[in-house]
């Protein structure tokens, strides 16, 4: 299980995360679902590339389509400002326009899409 903390902003932003490894993910899912409920389910296929200190994620998300996520992993002693400078150059290198940047998590996009579909029915 991975817990992310990051702002929902369509700009370069810091993301921190914690990974909890488990020998039995199904039991962990059952416990968490019974305790907290379920907001949604994200089904995706991720292809990962590493270029220098940048992780390039190409995600095919069921119900949403294809996404590109760029993640600069700070090296020991590297400042947030240095990471932001590297990250700020990446959209231009990949030909990504500012209006194409998505701030929300996939689950939030799926929930919004479902709400719009319910209103339209």
C-alpha atoms as a PDB file:
ATOM      1  CA  UNK A   1       0.000   0.000   0.000  1.00  0.00           C
ATOM      2  CA  UNK A   2       1.304   3.466  -0.821  1.00  0.00           C
ATOM      3  CA  UNK A   3       0.098   6.635   0.882  1.00  0.00           C
ATOM      4  CA  UNK A   4       0.789   9.831  -1.049  1.00  0.00           C
ATOM      5  CA  UNK A   5       0.671  13.376   0.223  1.00  0.00           C
ATOM      6  CA  UNK A   6       0.584  16.086  -2.404  1.00  0.00           C
ATOM      7  CA  UNK A   7      -1.482  19.102  -3.234  1.00  0.00           C
ATOM      8  CA  UNK A   8      -4.064  18.900  -6.020  1.00  0.00           C
ATOM      9  CA  UNK A   9      -2.441  21.648  -8.071  1.00  0.00           C
ATOM     10  CA  UNK A  10      -1.737  21.676 -11.806  1.00  0.00           C
ATOM     11  CA  UNK A  11       1.879  22.670 -11.290  1.00  0.00           C
ATOM     12  CA  UNK A  12       5.192  21.267 -10.127  1.00  0.00           C
ATOM     13  CA  UNK A  13       4.701  20.156  -6.545  1.00  0.00           C
ATOM     14  CA  UNK A  14       6.342  18.124  -3.839  1.00  0.00           C
ATOM     15  CA  UNK A  15       5.022  14.636  -3.260  1.00  0.00           C
ATOM     16  CA  UNK A  16       5.897  12.512  -0.270  1.00  0.00           C
ATOM     17  CA  UNK A  17       4.906   8.923   0.199  1.00  0.00           C
ATOM     18  CA  UNK A  18       5.160   5.990   2.551  1.00  0.00           C
ATOM     19  CA  UNK A  19       5.124   2.375   1.420  1.00  0.00           C
ATOM     20  CA  UNK A  20       3.716  -0.382   3.637  1.00  0.00           C
ATOM     21  CA  UNK A  21       4.661  -3.808   2.347  1.00  0.00           C
ATOM     22  CA  UNK A  22       2.514  -6.795   3.203  1.00  0.00           C
ATOM     23  CA  UNK A  23       2.734 -10.513   2.569  1.00  0.00           C
ATOM     24  CA  UNK A  24      -1.045 -10.660   2.128  1.00  0.00           C
ATOM     25  CA  UNK A  25      -2.425  -7.641   0.245  1.00  0.00           C
ATOM     26  CA  UNK A  26      -5.927  -9.163  -0.051  1.00  0.00           C
ATOM     27  CA  UNK A  27      -6.364  -9.283   3.748  1.00  0.00           C
ATOM     28  CA  UNK A  28      -5.027  -5.720   4.055  1.00  0.00           C
ATOM     29  CA  UNK A  29      -7.520  -4.560   1.415  1.00  0.00           C
ATOM     30  CA  UNK A  30     -10.376  -6.344   3.197  1.00  0.00           C
ATOM     31  CA  UNK A  31      -9.442  -4.762   6.554  1.00  0.00           C
ATOM     32  CA  UNK A  32      -9.089  -1.262   5.112  1.00  0.00           C
ATOM     33  CA  UNK A  33     -12.332  -1.545   3.136  1.00  0.00           C
ATOM     34  CA  UNK A  34     -14.266  -2.795   6.165  1.00  0.00           C
ATOM     35  CA  UNK A  35     -12.799  -0.029   8.323  1.00  0.00           C
ATOM     36  CA  UNK A  36     -12.831   2.946   5.948  1.00  0.00           C
ATOM     37  CA  UNK A  37     -15.152   2.044   3.106  1.00  0.00           C
ATOM     38  CA  UNK A  38     -14.284   2.357  -0.568  1.00  0.00           C
ATOM     39  CA  UNK A  39     -14.288   5.576  -2.569  1.00  0.00           C
ATOM     40  CA  UNK A  40     -13.507   3.988  -5.902  1.00  0.00           C
ATOM     41  CA  UNK A  41     -11.367   1.525  -7.780  1.00  0.00           C
ATOM     42  CA  UNK A  42      -8.608   2.511 -10.205  1.00  0.00           C
ATOM     43  CA  UNK A  43      -7.546  -0.089 -12.742  1.00  0.00           C
ATOM     44  CA  UNK A  44      -4.421   0.848 -14.638  1.00  0.00           C
ATOM     45  CA  UNK A  45      -1.463  -0.556 -16.473  1.00  0.00           C
ATOM     46  CA  UNK A  46       1.729   1.381 -15.806  1.00  0.00           C
ATOM     47  CA  UNK A  47       4.891   1.369 -17.877  1.00  0.00           C
ATOM     48  CA  UNK A  48       7.853   2.865 -16.029  1.00  0.00           C
ATOM     49  CA  UNK A  49      10.990   4.389 -17.522  1.00  0.00           C
ATOM     50  CA  UNK A  50      13.906   5.852 -15.588  1.00  0.00           C
ATOM     51  CA  UNK A  51      15.858   8.707 -17.154  1.00  0.00           C
ATOM     52  CA  UNK A  52      18.469  10.106 -14.791  1.00  0.00           C
ATOM     53  CA  UNK A  53      16.610  10.969 -11.618  1.00  0.00           C
ATOM     54  CA  UNK A  54      13.258  11.232 -13.368  1.00  0.00           C
ATOM     55  CA  UNK A  55      10.666   8.472 -13.246  1.00  0.00           C
ATOM     56  CA  UNK A  56       8.448   8.514 -16.335  1.00  0.00           C
ATOM     57  CA  UNK A  57       5.116   6.752 -15.795  1.00  0.00           C
ATOM     58  CA  UNK A  58       2.899   5.989 -18.766  1.00  0.00           C
ATOM     59  CA  UNK A  59      -0.471   4.912 -17.405  1.00  0.00           C
ATOM     60  CA  UNK A  60      -3.419   3.386 -19.263  1.00  0.00           C
ATOM     61  CA  UNK A  61      -6.307   4.012 -16.870  1.00  0.00           C
ATOM     62  CA  UNK A  62      -9.531   2.102 -17.428  1.00  0.00           C
ATOM     63  CA  UNK A  63     -12.351   4.567 -18.060  1.00  0.00           C
ATOM     64  CA  UNK A  64     -10.030   7.586 -18.382  1.00  0.00           C
ATOM     65  CA  UNK A  65      -7.422   6.885 -21.050  1.00  0.00           C
ATOM     66  CA  UNK A  66      -3.662   7.438 -21.214  1.00  0.00           C
ATOM     67  CA  UNK A  67      -1.629   9.645 -18.899  1.00  0.00           C
ATOM     68  CA  UNK A  68       2.010  10.630 -18.552  1.00  0.00           C
ATOM     69  CA  UNK A  69       3.380  11.339 -15.097  1.00  0.00           C
ATOM     70  CA  UNK A  70       6.838  12.785 -14.535  1.00  0.00           C
ATOM     71  CA  UNK A  71       8.386  12.382 -11.105  1.00  0.00           C
ATOM     72  CA  UNK A  72      11.776  13.816 -10.183  1.00  0.00           C
ATOM     73  CA  UNK A  73      13.290  11.857  -7.307  1.00  0.00           C
ATOM     74  CA  UNK A  74      15.480  14.121  -5.222  1.00  0.00           C
ATOM     75  CA  UNK A  75      18.996  12.893  -4.588  1.00  0.00           C
ATOM     76  CA  UNK A  76      20.468  13.051  -1.064  1.00  0.00           C
ATOM     77  CA  UNK A  77      21.280  16.665  -0.233  1.00  0.00           C
ATOM     78  CA  UNK A  78      19.332  18.020  -3.194  1.00  0.00           C
ATOM     79  CA  UNK A  79      16.946  20.861  -2.394  1.00  0.00           C
ATOM     80  CA  UNK A  80      13.281  21.169  -3.312  1.00  0.00           C
ATOM     81  CA  UNK A  81      14.224  24.162  -5.485  1.00  0.00           C
ATOM     82  CA  UNK A  82      16.678  22.065  -7.515  1.00  0.00           C
ATOM     83  CA  UNK A  83      14.030  19.386  -7.995  1.00  0.00           C
ATOM     84  CA  UNK A  84      11.451  21.980  -9.055  1.00  0.00           C
ATOM     85  CA  UNK A  85      13.883  23.436 -11.594  1.00  0.00           C
ATOM     86  CA  UNK A  86      14.428  20.002 -13.148  1.00  0.00           C
ATOM     87  CA  UNK A  87      10.684  19.259 -13.111  1.00  0.00           C
ATOM     88  CA  UNK A  88       9.758  22.654 -14.554  1.00  0.00           C
ATOM     89  CA  UNK A  89      11.787  21.934 -17.706  1.00  0.00           C
ATOM     90  CA  UNK A  90      10.207  18.521 -18.349  1.00  0.00           C
ATOM     91  CA  UNK A  91       6.786  19.546 -19.746  1.00  0.00           C
ATOM     92  CA  UNK A  92       8.484  21.592 -22.450  1.00  0.00           C
ATOM     93  CA  UNK A  93      10.804  18.700 -23.309  1.00  0.00           C
ATOM     94  CA  UNK A  94       7.788  16.399 -23.677  1.00  0.00           C
ATOM     95  CA  UNK A  95       5.641  18.957 -25.517  1.00  0.00           C
ATOM     96  CA  UNK A  96       3.067  19.201 -22.712  1.00  0.00           C
ATOM     97  CA  UNK A  97       1.011  22.406 -22.604  1.00  0.00           C
ATOM     98  CA  UNK A  98       0.037  23.879 -19.229  1.00  0.00           C
ATOM     99  CA  UNK A  99      -3.682  23.299 -19.897  1.00  0.00           C
ATOM    100  CA  UNK A 100      -2.973  19.561 -20.357  1.00  0.00           C
ATOM    101  CA  UNK A 101      -1.661  19.144 -16.808  1.00  0.00           C
ATOM    102  CA  UNK A 102      -4.096  17.282 -14.564  1.00  0.00           C
ATOM    103  CA  UNK A 103      -4.035  18.031 -10.840  1.00  0.00           C
ATOM    104  CA  UNK A 104      -6.424  15.400  -9.480  1.00  0.00           C
ATOM    105  CA  UNK A 105      -5.805  11.763  -8.621  1.00  0.00           C
ATOM    106  CA  UNK A 106      -7.240   9.120 -10.940  1.00  0.00           C
ATOM    107  CA  UNK A 107      -9.816   8.059  -8.346  1.00  0.00           C
ATOM    108  CA  UNK A 108     -11.061  11.656  -8.086  1.00  0.00           C
ATOM    109  CA  UNK A 109     -11.373  11.909 -11.876  1.00  0.00           C
ATOM    110  CA  UNK A 110     -13.300   8.628 -11.981  1.00  0.00           C
ATOM    111  CA  UNK A 111     -15.635   9.746  -9.171  1.00  0.00           C
ATOM    112  CA  UNK A 112     -16.306  13.054 -10.936  1.00  0.00           C
ATOM    113  CA  UNK A 113     -16.959  11.230 -14.205  1.00  0.00           C
ATOM    114  CA  UNK A 114     -19.431   8.888 -12.441  1.00  0.00           C
ATOM    115  CA  UNK A 115     -21.210  11.873 -10.825  1.00  0.00           C
ATOM    116  CA  UNK A 116     -21.598  13.585 -14.205  1.00  0.00           C
ATOM    117  CA  UNK A 117     -22.950  10.358 -15.711  1.00  0.00           C
ATOM    118  CA  UNK A 118     -25.489  10.020 -12.871  1.00  0.00           C
ATOM    119  CA  UNK A 119     -26.699  13.602 -13.402  1.00  0.00           C
ATOM    120  CA  UNK A 120     -27.054  12.962 -17.119  1.00  0.00           C
ATOM    121  CA  UNK A 121     -29.178   9.824 -16.637  1.00  0.00           C
END
